[in-house]
Protein backbone atom coordinates (compact mmCIF):
# COMPACT_ATOMS: atom_id res chain seq x y z
CA MET A 1 0.01 -0.17 -0.27
CA GLN A 2 2.84 2.47 0.72
CA PHE A 3 4.69 1.73 -2.42
CA LEU A 4 1.31 2.35 -4.46
CA LYS A 5 1.21 5.96 -2.30
CA ARG A 6 4.66 6.87 -3.61
CA ALA A 7 4.10 5.71 -7.21
CA ILE A 8 0.90 8.09 -7.13
CA LEU A 9 2.77 10.67 -5.58
CA SER A 10 5.80 10.50 -7.97
CA ALA A 11 3.44 10.44 -10.66
CA VAL A 12 1.57 13.24 -9.69
CA LEU A 13 5.21 15.16 -9.15
CA LEU A 14 6.12 14.26 -12.08
CA THR A 15 3.03 15.75 -13.80
CA ALA A 16 3.87 19.10 -12.09
CA THR A 17 7.29 18.96 -13.17
CA SER A 18 6.59 18.26 -16.39
CA ALA A 19 4.42 21.45 -16.55
CA MET A 20 7.27 23.72 -15.92
CA ALA A 21 8.66 23.40 -19.24
CA THR A 22 6.90 25.02 -22.12
CA ALA A 23 3.86 23.54 -23.63
CA GLN A 24 5.52 23.37 -27.05
CA ASP A 25 8.57 21.35 -25.40
CA TRP A 26 7.49 19.16 -22.32
CA LEU A 27 9.08 16.38 -23.05
CA PRO A 28 12.50 15.08 -21.07
CA ASP A 29 15.65 16.16 -22.46
CA ARG A 30 17.68 13.13 -20.71
CA ALA A 31 17.57 10.07 -18.88
CA TYR A 32 19.58 8.63 -16.35
CA VAL A 33 19.30 4.77 -15.48
CA ASN A 34 20.71 4.79 -11.88
CA LEU A 35 22.14 1.66 -11.03
CA GLY A 36 24.05 1.38 -7.76
CA SER A 37 25.68 3.03 -4.70
CA TYR A 38 28.76 3.03 -2.28
CA HIS A 39 28.46 4.52 1.19
CA ALA A 40 31.57 5.31 2.03
CA GLY A 41 32.30 5.73 5.78
CA LEU A 42 28.87 5.33 7.02
CA ASP A 43 28.05 2.32 9.10
CA PRO A 44 24.57 1.06 8.38
CA ALA A 45 24.24 -0.13 12.29
CA ASP A 46 23.48 3.87 12.44
CA PHE A 47 20.94 4.17 10.44
CA ASP A 48 19.35 0.18 12.44
CA VAL A 49 20.06 -1.70 9.57
CA SER A 50 22.79 -4.56 8.79
CA ARG A 51 24.16 -3.62 5.69
CA TRP A 52 23.34 -1.44 2.76
CA ASN A 53 21.16 -2.04 -0.31
CA GLU A 54 23.46 -1.01 -2.94
CA PHE A 55 21.87 -2.26 -5.86
CA ASN A 56 19.61 1.21 -6.52
CA PRO A 57 18.12 0.80 -9.65
CA GLY A 58 15.67 3.78 -11.11
CA ILE A 59 14.76 6.09 -13.35
CA VAL A 60 15.10 9.49 -13.77
CA PHE A 61 14.27 12.48 -16.18
CA THR A 62 15.48 15.64 -16.96
CA TRP A 63 14.66 18.62 -18.35
CA GLU A 64 18.10 20.83 -18.93
CA ASP A 65 18.33 24.27 -19.33
CA ARG A 66 14.96 25.77 -18.52
CA PHE A 67 13.81 28.16 -15.88
CA LEU A 68 16.91 30.44 -14.55
CA GLY A 69 18.94 28.31 -16.92
CA LEU A 70 18.71 25.00 -14.20
CA GLY A 71 17.84 21.67 -15.36
CA TYR A 72 14.64 20.16 -13.23
CA SER A 73 14.57 16.65 -12.51
CA ALA A 74 11.72 13.83 -11.48
CA GLY A 75 12.24 10.31 -10.98
CA GLY A 76 12.33 7.30 -8.88
CA PHE A 77 14.64 5.00 -7.45
CA ILE A 78 15.05 1.81 -4.65
CA ASN A 79 16.74 3.25 -2.03
CA SER A 80 19.55 2.29 0.35
CA PHE A 81 17.36 1.04 2.56
CA GLY A 82 15.88 -1.36 -0.36
CA GLU A 83 12.79 0.94 -0.52
CA ALA A 84 10.95 2.84 -3.29
CA SER A 85 11.69 6.40 -3.36
CA PRO A 86 10.57 8.99 -5.47
CA TYR A 87 13.35 11.83 -6.21
CA PHE A 88 13.13 15.49 -7.60
CA SER A 89 15.74 17.98 -8.24
CA VAL A 90 17.01 20.94 -9.28
CA SER A 91 21.08 21.28 -10.80
CA ARG A 92 23.24 23.12 -13.11
CA LEU A 93 25.85 21.53 -15.03
CA TRP A 94 28.69 23.38 -17.02
CA GLN A 95 30.07 21.40 -20.09
CA VAL A 96 33.88 21.75 -18.89
CA GLY A 97 35.35 19.13 -21.93
CA GLU A 98 33.97 17.67 -24.96
CA ASP A 99 32.61 14.44 -23.27
CA LEU A 100 32.21 15.83 -19.33
CA SER A 101 29.99 17.64 -17.61
CA LEU A 102 30.06 19.30 -13.98
CA GLY A 103 27.74 20.94 -11.02
CA PRO A 104 26.01 20.92 -8.17
CA PHE A 105 22.01 19.57 -7.48
CA VAL A 106 19.92 19.78 -4.66
CA SER A 107 17.70 16.65 -4.47
CA LEU A 108 13.90 15.88 -2.37
CA SER A 109 13.27 12.47 -1.78
CA ASN A 110 11.03 10.44 0.36
CA TYR A 111 12.06 7.68 2.52
CA GLY A 112 9.47 6.63 4.33
CA ALA A 113 9.97 6.33 7.98
CA ASN A 114 13.96 5.71 7.75
CA SER A 115 14.08 9.76 6.98
CA ARG A 116 14.25 10.00 10.77
CA HIS A 117 17.87 9.12 10.23
CA PHE A 118 18.92 11.97 8.50
CA PRO A 119 19.50 15.53 9.62
CA SER A 120 18.13 16.86 6.48
CA ARG A 121 14.76 15.66 6.71
CA ILE A 122 11.76 18.89 6.07
CA GLY A 123 10.23 18.54 9.85
CA SER A 124 8.33 16.06 10.67
CA SER A 125 7.54 14.53 6.84
CA ASN A 126 9.06 11.72 5.21
CA PHE A 127 10.94 13.56 2.66
CA VAL A 128 14.60 14.68 2.92
CA VAL A 129 16.73 16.81 1.52
CA PHE A 130 20.48 16.11 -0.31
CA GLY A 131 22.76 17.86 -2.18
CA GLY A 132 26.18 17.12 -4.14
CA VAL A 133 28.16 17.43 -7.08
CA GLN A 134 27.19 15.41 -10.05
CA ALA A 135 29.73 14.39 -13.10
CA ASN A 136 28.43 13.09 -16.54
CA TYR A 137 31.22 11.63 -18.66
CA ARG A 138 29.55 10.24 -21.70
CA ASN A 139 26.67 7.85 -21.38
CA ALA A 140 27.90 7.48 -17.47
CA PHE A 141 27.28 9.73 -14.57
CA LEU A 142 28.62 9.54 -10.97
CA ARG A 143 26.96 11.82 -8.18
CA VAL A 144 28.75 12.59 -4.54
CA GLN A 145 26.70 13.44 -1.72
CA PRO A 146 28.66 14.48 1.25
CA ALA A 147 26.88 13.33 4.57
CA PRO A 148 27.63 13.76 8.06
CA ARG A 149 29.09 10.74 10.20
CA ARG A 150 27.90 9.97 13.91
CA GLY A 151 30.37 10.90 16.19
CA GLY A 152 32.02 13.32 13.57
CA GLY A 153 33.60 13.74 10.42
CA VAL A 154 32.38 14.00 7.07
CA ALA A 155 31.38 10.59 4.70
CA ALA A 156 29.72 10.59 1.66
CA VAL A 157 27.48 8.27 -0.67
CA PHE A 158 28.56 7.71 -4.44
CA ALA A 159 25.65 7.31 -6.66
CA GLY A 160 25.98 6.58 -10.45
CA GLY A 161 24.81 4.70 -13.55
CA LEU A 162 24.06 5.44 -17.30
CA THR A 163 22.41 8.48 -18.67
CA PHE A 164 21.16 8.87 -22.17
CA SER A 165 20.08 12.33 -24.60
CA LEU A 166 15.95 11.94 -25.34
CA ARG A 167 16.70 14.79 -28.20
């Protein structure tokens, strides 16, 4: 039932995100196929799990260079707790080489009850804000999300997969 609620919420928000694009150009420019993640310096026991789910299939569609020159994305993936999460982000990537683009992103995801583990949780909701840096190289992408470590220090989540132009 909770998966169905998340799927419906994802569809509604995807539709809303699509509406930000101009009426004549509402199709996404790019697809991201999320494949996996690696949790560097993060102890799963601190998050009440025995291990991380590091196989994170998902699909995200992006409308590039839209309002204010930003990219707007919507989609979903299986998160590191093994549950479905809708995903929304805003990014700004710059071409720094023939096949390489880099830039920051800020994302919003619904992590259900597991949102309680994140200091970037929005109030008492299930939504969590993440940020970091993204690199696209040819048809591959990598996102690096810094994360605070219990007891101090900094850790990171590395997430990656494949990306394809839809235009």
